[in-house]
Amino acid sequence: MTGWVVCVVALVAASAFGLLRAKRDGRLRVRAKDGAVRLSAAELGEPLGARATLVQFSTAFCQPCRATRRVLAEVAGMVDGVAHVELDAEERLELVRRLDVVRTPTVLVLDAGGRVVRRAAGQPRKADVIAALGAAV
C-alpha cells in the first residue's frame, strides 16, 4: 500500500511541475534585478537597435532556439529600429553568468539604451514579443 501512495504522490508532483513549467515557458516578464542591467554594443558584439534590441542566447543542440531565431528575426524585420542579436551561450559564459541565463533559448528585450526591460526563458510567442517591444520603445 505504501508503494502506491508514493507513486501517486510522485505523479501528482510531476504533473504540477509540468503544468507550472508549461504556463511559464516563453512568457516575457519583468525581473526586479533586470532593470538595472545594461548591455553595450561592445558586450554583444553587434550594434544596438535604434529603438530596441532582441537578444537571444542559444546553443547548438537547442531545437526551440531555431524557431525562436525565426520569430525574433521576423519581428525585427517588421518593426523599424529593432535589431536581433543571437549569442552562443557556450561561447559567452561570462555574460551568461552575469545575466543569470539558466536555459536556452533565453530572450532579453533591451530598450534603446541597452537596459533589459523583459526576459523570457523558453520559446516566446510572436505576439508576446511584439507586446514586449511596446515596453521597450
N, C-alpha and C. Protein backbone atom coordinates (compact mmCIF):
# COMPACT_ATOMS: atom_id res chain seq x y z
N MET A 1 0.82 -1.20 0.00
CA MET A 1 0.00 0.00 0.00
C MET A 1 0.87 1.27 0.00
N THR A 2 1.96 1.25 0.73
CA THR A 2 2.84 2.41 0.80
C THR A 2 3.42 2.73 -0.57
N GLY A 3 3.74 1.72 -1.35
CA GLY A 3 4.27 1.92 -2.69
C GLY A 3 3.31 2.67 -3.59
N TRP A 4 2.01 2.37 -3.49
CA TRP A 4 1.00 3.08 -4.29
C TRP A 4 0.90 4.55 -3.88
N VAL A 5 0.98 4.81 -2.60
CA VAL A 5 0.90 6.20 -2.11
C VAL A 5 2.09 7.00 -2.63
N VAL A 6 3.27 6.42 -2.54
CA VAL A 6 4.47 7.09 -3.03
C VAL A 6 4.35 7.34 -4.54
N CYS A 7 3.86 6.37 -5.27
CA CYS A 7 3.70 6.51 -6.72
C CYS A 7 2.71 7.62 -7.06
N VAL A 8 1.58 7.67 -6.36
CA VAL A 8 0.57 8.71 -6.61
C VAL A 8 1.12 10.09 -6.27
N VAL A 9 1.82 10.21 -5.16
CA VAL A 9 2.40 11.50 -4.76
C VAL A 9 3.43 11.95 -5.80
N ALA A 10 4.25 11.03 -6.28
CA ALA A 10 5.25 11.37 -7.30
C ALA A 10 4.57 11.82 -8.60
N LEU A 11 3.50 11.15 -9.00
CA LEU A 11 2.78 11.54 -10.21
C LEU A 11 2.12 12.91 -10.07
N VAL A 12 1.54 13.18 -8.92
CA VAL A 12 0.91 14.49 -8.69
C VAL A 12 1.96 15.59 -8.69
N ALA A 13 3.09 15.36 -8.04
CA ALA A 13 4.15 16.37 -8.00
C ALA A 13 4.72 16.62 -9.40
N ALA A 14 4.94 15.56 -10.17
CA ALA A 14 5.47 15.72 -11.53
C ALA A 14 4.47 16.45 -12.43
N SER A 15 3.19 16.14 -12.27
CA SER A 15 2.16 16.82 -13.07
C SER A 15 2.07 18.29 -12.72
N ALA A 16 2.14 18.62 -11.43
CA ALA A 16 2.09 20.02 -11.00
C ALA A 16 3.30 20.79 -11.56
N PHE A 17 4.48 20.18 -11.49
CA PHE A 17 5.68 20.81 -12.03
C PHE A 17 5.54 21.03 -13.54
N GLY A 18 5.05 20.04 -14.25
CA GLY A 18 4.88 20.16 -15.70
C GLY A 18 3.89 21.24 -16.08
N LEU A 19 2.79 21.34 -15.37
CA LEU A 19 1.80 22.38 -15.65
C LEU A 19 2.36 23.77 -15.37
N LEU A 20 3.07 23.91 -14.27
CA LEU A 20 3.68 25.20 -13.93
C LEU A 20 4.71 25.60 -14.97
N ARG A 21 5.53 24.67 -15.37
CA ARG A 21 6.57 24.96 -16.38
C ARG A 21 5.94 25.34 -17.72
N ALA A 22 4.90 24.63 -18.11
CA ALA A 22 4.23 24.94 -19.39
C ALA A 22 3.59 26.33 -19.35
N LYS A 23 3.09 26.71 -18.20
CA LYS A 23 2.46 28.03 -18.07
C LYS A 23 3.49 29.16 -18.14
N ARG A 24 4.68 28.94 -17.58
CA ARG A 24 5.70 29.99 -17.52
C ARG A 24 6.65 29.98 -18.70
N ASP A 25 6.72 28.90 -19.46
CA ASP A 25 7.67 28.76 -20.54
C ASP A 25 7.42 29.79 -21.64
N GLY A 26 8.44 30.58 -21.96
CA GLY A 26 8.35 31.54 -23.04
C GLY A 26 7.65 32.84 -22.71
N ARG A 27 7.17 33.02 -21.49
CA ARG A 27 6.49 34.27 -21.11
C ARG A 27 7.52 35.37 -20.90
N LEU A 28 7.30 36.49 -21.52
CA LEU A 28 8.18 37.64 -21.34
C LEU A 28 7.74 38.36 -20.08
N ARG A 29 8.64 38.41 -19.11
CA ARG A 29 8.30 39.00 -17.82
C ARG A 29 9.37 39.98 -17.38
N VAL A 30 9.06 40.71 -16.33
CA VAL A 30 9.99 41.68 -15.75
C VAL A 30 10.55 41.09 -14.48
N ARG A 31 11.87 41.12 -14.36
CA ARG A 31 12.51 40.73 -13.10
C ARG A 31 13.08 41.98 -12.47
N ALA A 32 12.96 42.09 -11.17
CA ALA A 32 13.38 43.31 -10.46
C ALA A 32 14.84 43.65 -10.74
N LYS A 33 15.72 42.66 -10.73
CA LYS A 33 17.14 42.96 -10.92
C LYS A 33 17.51 43.21 -12.37
N ASP A 34 16.65 42.87 -13.33
CA ASP A 34 16.96 43.10 -14.74
C ASP A 34 16.95 44.58 -15.10
N GLY A 35 16.12 45.38 -14.47
CA GLY A 35 16.01 46.79 -14.80
C GLY A 35 17.30 47.56 -14.63
N ALA A 36 18.17 47.10 -13.76
CA ALA A 36 19.44 47.77 -13.51
C ALA A 36 20.55 47.31 -14.45
N VAL A 37 20.28 46.26 -15.22
CA VAL A 37 21.29 45.69 -16.11
C VAL A 37 21.25 46.40 -17.46
N ARG A 38 22.42 46.84 -17.91
CA ARG A 38 22.55 47.45 -19.23
C ARG A 38 23.61 46.68 -20.02
N LEU A 39 23.34 46.48 -21.30
CA LEU A 39 24.29 45.82 -22.18
C LEU A 39 24.72 46.80 -23.26
N SER A 40 25.99 46.78 -23.58
CA SER A 40 26.51 47.68 -24.61
C SER A 40 26.72 46.91 -25.91
N ALA A 41 26.92 47.66 -26.98
CA ALA A 41 27.20 47.04 -28.27
C ALA A 41 28.51 46.25 -28.20
N ALA A 42 29.47 46.72 -27.43
CA ALA A 42 30.74 46.02 -27.29
C ALA A 42 30.54 44.66 -26.62
N GLU A 43 29.68 44.58 -25.62
CA GLU A 43 29.41 43.31 -24.93
C GLU A 43 28.69 42.34 -25.85
N LEU A 44 27.79 42.85 -26.68
CA LEU A 44 27.02 42.00 -27.58
C LEU A 44 27.79 41.64 -28.84
N GLY A 45 28.75 42.47 -29.21
CA GLY A 45 29.49 42.21 -30.43
C GLY A 45 28.78 42.70 -31.68
N GLU A 46 27.66 43.36 -31.52
CA GLU A 46 26.89 43.92 -32.62
C GLU A 46 26.24 45.22 -32.13
N PRO A 47 25.89 46.12 -33.05
CA PRO A 47 25.27 47.37 -32.61
C PRO A 47 23.86 47.16 -32.06
N LEU A 48 23.50 48.02 -31.11
CA LEU A 48 22.13 48.01 -30.58
C LEU A 48 21.19 48.60 -31.61
N GLY A 49 19.92 48.20 -31.55
CA GLY A 49 18.92 48.79 -32.42
C GLY A 49 18.63 50.22 -32.00
N ALA A 50 18.18 51.04 -32.93
CA ALA A 50 17.89 52.44 -32.63
C ALA A 50 16.75 52.57 -31.63
N ARG A 51 15.79 51.65 -31.67
CA ARG A 51 14.64 51.71 -30.76
C ARG A 51 14.65 50.60 -29.72
N ALA A 52 15.10 49.40 -30.11
CA ALA A 52 15.12 48.26 -29.19
C ALA A 52 16.00 47.17 -29.79
N THR A 53 16.39 46.23 -28.92
CA THR A 53 17.22 45.10 -29.36
C THR A 53 16.67 43.82 -28.75
N LEU A 54 16.54 42.79 -29.56
CA LEU A 54 16.13 41.46 -29.10
C LEU A 54 17.38 40.60 -29.03
N VAL A 55 17.77 40.20 -27.81
CA VAL A 55 18.97 39.39 -27.61
C VAL A 55 18.53 37.97 -27.31
N GLN A 56 19.09 37.02 -28.06
CA GLN A 56 18.75 35.61 -27.89
C GLN A 56 20.00 34.83 -27.52
N PHE A 57 19.94 34.11 -26.41
CA PHE A 57 21.00 33.18 -26.03
C PHE A 57 20.60 31.80 -26.51
N SER A 58 21.47 31.18 -27.31
CA SER A 58 21.19 29.88 -27.91
C SER A 58 22.36 28.94 -27.69
N THR A 59 22.11 27.67 -27.98
CA THR A 59 23.17 26.66 -28.02
C THR A 59 22.98 25.83 -29.29
N ALA A 60 24.02 25.14 -29.68
CA ALA A 60 23.98 24.39 -30.94
C ALA A 60 22.96 23.26 -30.92
N PHE A 61 22.73 22.64 -29.79
CA PHE A 61 21.85 21.48 -29.71
C PHE A 61 20.41 21.83 -29.38
N CYS A 62 20.09 23.09 -29.27
CA CYS A 62 18.77 23.55 -28.82
C CYS A 62 17.78 23.64 -29.99
N GLN A 63 16.79 22.75 -30.01
CA GLN A 63 15.78 22.76 -31.07
C GLN A 63 14.87 23.99 -31.00
N PRO A 64 14.34 24.39 -29.82
CA PRO A 64 13.49 25.59 -29.78
C PRO A 64 14.22 26.87 -30.15
N CYS A 65 15.56 26.86 -30.09
CA CYS A 65 16.33 28.05 -30.46
C CYS A 65 16.15 28.40 -31.93
N ARG A 66 16.00 27.40 -32.77
CA ARG A 66 15.82 27.65 -34.21
C ARG A 66 14.49 28.35 -34.48
N ALA A 67 13.44 27.88 -33.83
CA ALA A 67 12.13 28.53 -34.00
C ALA A 67 12.14 29.93 -33.41
N THR A 68 12.81 30.09 -32.28
CA THR A 68 12.91 31.41 -31.66
C THR A 68 13.67 32.37 -32.56
N ARG A 69 14.73 31.90 -33.19
CA ARG A 69 15.51 32.72 -34.12
C ARG A 69 14.62 33.24 -35.25
N ARG A 70 13.78 32.37 -35.80
CA ARG A 70 12.87 32.79 -36.89
C ARG A 70 11.88 33.84 -36.41
N VAL A 71 11.29 33.62 -35.23
CA VAL A 71 10.29 34.56 -34.70
C VAL A 71 10.93 35.92 -34.45
N LEU A 72 12.09 35.95 -33.79
CA LEU A 72 12.73 37.22 -33.47
C LEU A 72 13.21 37.95 -34.72
N ALA A 73 13.74 37.21 -35.69
CA ALA A 73 14.17 37.84 -36.95
C ALA A 73 12.98 38.44 -37.69
N GLU A 74 11.86 37.74 -37.66
CA GLU A 74 10.65 38.25 -38.32
C GLU A 74 10.14 39.51 -37.64
N VAL A 75 10.11 39.51 -36.32
CA VAL A 75 9.65 40.70 -35.58
C VAL A 75 10.61 41.86 -35.81
N ALA A 76 11.92 41.60 -35.77
CA ALA A 76 12.90 42.66 -36.00
C ALA A 76 12.76 43.23 -37.41
N GLY A 77 12.40 42.40 -38.37
CA GLY A 77 12.19 42.88 -39.73
C GLY A 77 10.91 43.68 -39.89
N MET A 78 9.93 43.41 -39.04
CA MET A 78 8.64 44.12 -39.12
C MET A 78 8.68 45.50 -38.48
N VAL A 79 9.47 45.66 -37.43
CA VAL A 79 9.47 46.90 -36.64
C VAL A 79 10.76 47.67 -36.92
N ASP A 80 10.63 48.90 -37.41
CA ASP A 80 11.79 49.73 -37.70
C ASP A 80 12.58 50.04 -36.43
N GLY A 81 13.90 50.01 -36.54
CA GLY A 81 14.77 50.36 -35.43
C GLY A 81 14.97 49.25 -34.41
N VAL A 82 14.54 48.04 -34.72
CA VAL A 82 14.71 46.90 -33.81
C VAL A 82 15.74 45.95 -34.41
N ALA A 83 16.73 45.60 -33.60
CA ALA A 83 17.78 44.67 -34.03
C ALA A 83 17.62 43.34 -33.32
N HIS A 84 18.06 42.27 -33.98
CA HIS A 84 18.06 40.93 -33.38
C HIS A 84 19.51 40.46 -33.29
N VAL A 85 19.95 40.13 -32.07
CA VAL A 85 21.31 39.66 -31.84
C VAL A 85 21.22 38.27 -31.22
N GLU A 86 21.85 37.30 -31.87
CA GLU A 86 21.88 35.94 -31.31
C GLU A 86 23.28 35.65 -30.80
N LEU A 87 23.36 35.18 -29.56
CA LEU A 87 24.64 34.86 -28.93
C LEU A 87 24.69 33.38 -28.58
N ASP A 88 25.84 32.77 -28.81
CA ASP A 88 26.05 31.38 -28.41
C ASP A 88 26.38 31.37 -26.92
N ALA A 89 25.52 30.75 -26.13
CA ALA A 89 25.70 30.74 -24.68
C ALA A 89 26.99 30.06 -24.27
N GLU A 90 27.42 29.06 -25.01
CA GLU A 90 28.65 28.35 -24.67
C GLU A 90 29.89 29.21 -24.88
N GLU A 91 29.83 30.11 -25.84
CA GLU A 91 30.98 30.98 -26.12
C GLU A 91 30.98 32.23 -25.25
N ARG A 92 29.85 32.59 -24.67
CA ARG A 92 29.73 33.83 -23.90
C ARG A 92 29.37 33.54 -22.44
N LEU A 93 30.11 32.63 -21.81
CA LEU A 93 29.80 32.18 -20.45
C LEU A 93 29.84 33.31 -19.43
N GLU A 94 30.75 34.28 -19.60
CA GLU A 94 30.80 35.39 -18.64
C GLU A 94 29.51 36.19 -18.66
N LEU A 95 28.97 36.41 -19.84
CA LEU A 95 27.70 37.14 -19.97
C LEU A 95 26.53 36.30 -19.48
N VAL A 96 26.56 35.00 -19.75
CA VAL A 96 25.51 34.09 -19.29
C VAL A 96 25.44 34.10 -17.76
N ARG A 97 26.59 34.04 -17.11
CA ARG A 97 26.61 34.07 -15.64
C ARG A 97 26.15 35.41 -15.10
N ARG A 98 26.60 36.49 -15.71
CA ARG A 98 26.23 37.83 -15.24
C ARG A 98 24.72 38.07 -15.36
N LEU A 99 24.12 37.56 -16.43
CA LEU A 99 22.70 37.78 -16.68
C LEU A 99 21.81 36.68 -16.11
N ASP A 100 22.40 35.69 -15.48
CA ASP A 100 21.66 34.59 -14.86
C ASP A 100 20.80 33.84 -15.88
N VAL A 101 21.42 33.49 -17.01
CA VAL A 101 20.76 32.69 -18.04
C VAL A 101 20.93 31.23 -17.64
N VAL A 102 19.82 30.53 -17.40
CA VAL A 102 19.90 29.15 -16.93
C VAL A 102 19.44 28.13 -17.97
N ARG A 103 18.83 28.58 -19.06
CA ARG A 103 18.42 27.66 -20.11
C ARG A 103 18.34 28.40 -21.43
N THR A 104 18.32 27.62 -22.50
CA THR A 104 18.21 28.21 -23.83
C THR A 104 16.94 27.68 -24.49
N PRO A 105 16.29 28.49 -25.28
CA PRO A 105 16.62 29.87 -25.56
C PRO A 105 16.19 30.79 -24.42
N THR A 106 16.98 31.79 -24.18
CA THR A 106 16.60 32.89 -23.30
C THR A 106 16.61 34.15 -24.15
N VAL A 107 15.55 34.92 -24.07
CA VAL A 107 15.40 36.14 -24.86
C VAL A 107 15.35 37.33 -23.93
N LEU A 108 16.16 38.34 -24.23
CA LEU A 108 16.13 39.60 -23.49
C LEU A 108 15.66 40.69 -24.45
N VAL A 109 14.77 41.54 -23.98
CA VAL A 109 14.33 42.70 -24.76
C VAL A 109 15.00 43.92 -24.13
N LEU A 110 15.81 44.61 -24.93
CA LEU A 110 16.54 45.79 -24.46
C LEU A 110 15.92 47.04 -25.05
N ASP A 111 15.93 48.13 -24.28
CA ASP A 111 15.48 49.41 -24.83
C ASP A 111 16.62 50.03 -25.64
N ALA A 112 16.45 51.23 -26.14
CA ALA A 112 17.44 51.86 -27.00
C ALA A 112 18.77 52.07 -26.28
N GLY A 113 18.75 52.23 -24.97
CA GLY A 113 19.98 52.43 -24.19
C GLY A 113 20.63 51.14 -23.74
N GLY A 114 20.05 49.99 -24.07
CA GLY A 114 20.63 48.72 -23.70
C GLY A 114 20.15 48.16 -22.37
N ARG A 115 19.14 48.80 -21.76
CA ARG A 115 18.61 48.32 -20.48
C ARG A 115 17.65 47.17 -20.71
N VAL A 116 17.78 46.11 -19.92
CA VAL A 116 16.90 44.94 -20.03
C VAL A 116 15.53 45.31 -19.48
N VAL A 117 14.49 45.21 -20.33
CA VAL A 117 13.13 45.54 -19.88
C VAL A 117 12.23 44.31 -19.78
N ARG A 118 12.56 43.24 -20.51
CA ARG A 118 11.78 42.00 -20.45
C ARG A 118 12.72 40.82 -20.67
N ARG A 119 12.29 39.65 -20.19
CA ARG A 119 13.07 38.42 -20.31
C ARG A 119 12.13 37.25 -20.47
N ALA A 120 12.54 36.28 -21.28
CA ALA A 120 11.78 35.04 -21.44
C ALA A 120 12.75 33.87 -21.46
N ALA A 121 12.43 32.84 -20.70
CA ALA A 121 13.17 31.58 -20.77
C ALA A 121 12.27 30.60 -21.50
N GLY A 122 12.74 30.09 -22.61
CA GLY A 122 11.90 29.24 -23.44
C GLY A 122 11.50 29.99 -24.69
N GLN A 123 10.76 29.33 -25.55
CA GLN A 123 10.37 29.91 -26.82
C GLN A 123 9.17 30.84 -26.67
N PRO A 124 9.36 32.15 -26.91
CA PRO A 124 8.24 33.09 -26.79
C PRO A 124 7.37 33.09 -28.04
N ARG A 125 6.12 33.47 -27.85
CA ARG A 125 5.22 33.61 -28.99
C ARG A 125 5.47 34.96 -29.66
N LYS A 126 5.19 35.02 -30.95
CA LYS A 126 5.41 36.24 -31.72
C LYS A 126 4.62 37.42 -31.15
N ALA A 127 3.37 37.18 -30.79
CA ALA A 127 2.53 38.25 -30.24
C ALA A 127 3.10 38.78 -28.92
N ASP A 128 3.67 37.89 -28.11
CA ASP A 128 4.26 38.32 -26.84
C ASP A 128 5.52 39.16 -27.06
N VAL A 129 6.30 38.82 -28.08
CA VAL A 129 7.50 39.60 -28.39
C VAL A 129 7.10 40.99 -28.85
N ILE A 130 6.10 41.08 -29.69
CA ILE A 130 5.64 42.38 -30.18
C ILE A 130 5.11 43.22 -29.02
N ALA A 131 4.36 42.60 -28.12
CA ALA A 131 3.86 43.33 -26.95
C ALA A 131 5.00 43.80 -26.06
N ALA A 132 6.03 42.97 -25.89
CA ALA A 132 7.17 43.35 -25.06
C ALA A 132 7.94 44.51 -25.66
N LEU A 133 7.96 44.60 -26.99
CA LEU A 133 8.62 45.73 -27.63
C LEU A 133 7.93 47.04 -27.28
N GLY A 134 6.63 46.98 -27.03
CA GLY A 134 5.89 48.18 -26.61
C GLY A 134 6.45 48.77 -25.33
N ALA A 135 6.94 47.92 -24.43
CA ALA A 135 7.53 48.40 -23.19
C ALA A 135 8.93 48.97 -23.41
N ALA A 136 9.59 48.54 -24.48
CA ALA A 136 10.96 48.97 -24.72
C ALA A 136 11.06 50.26 -25.54
N VAL A 137 10.07 50.52 -26.38
CA VAL A 137 10.16 51.71 -27.25
C VAL A 137 9.35 52.87 -26.73
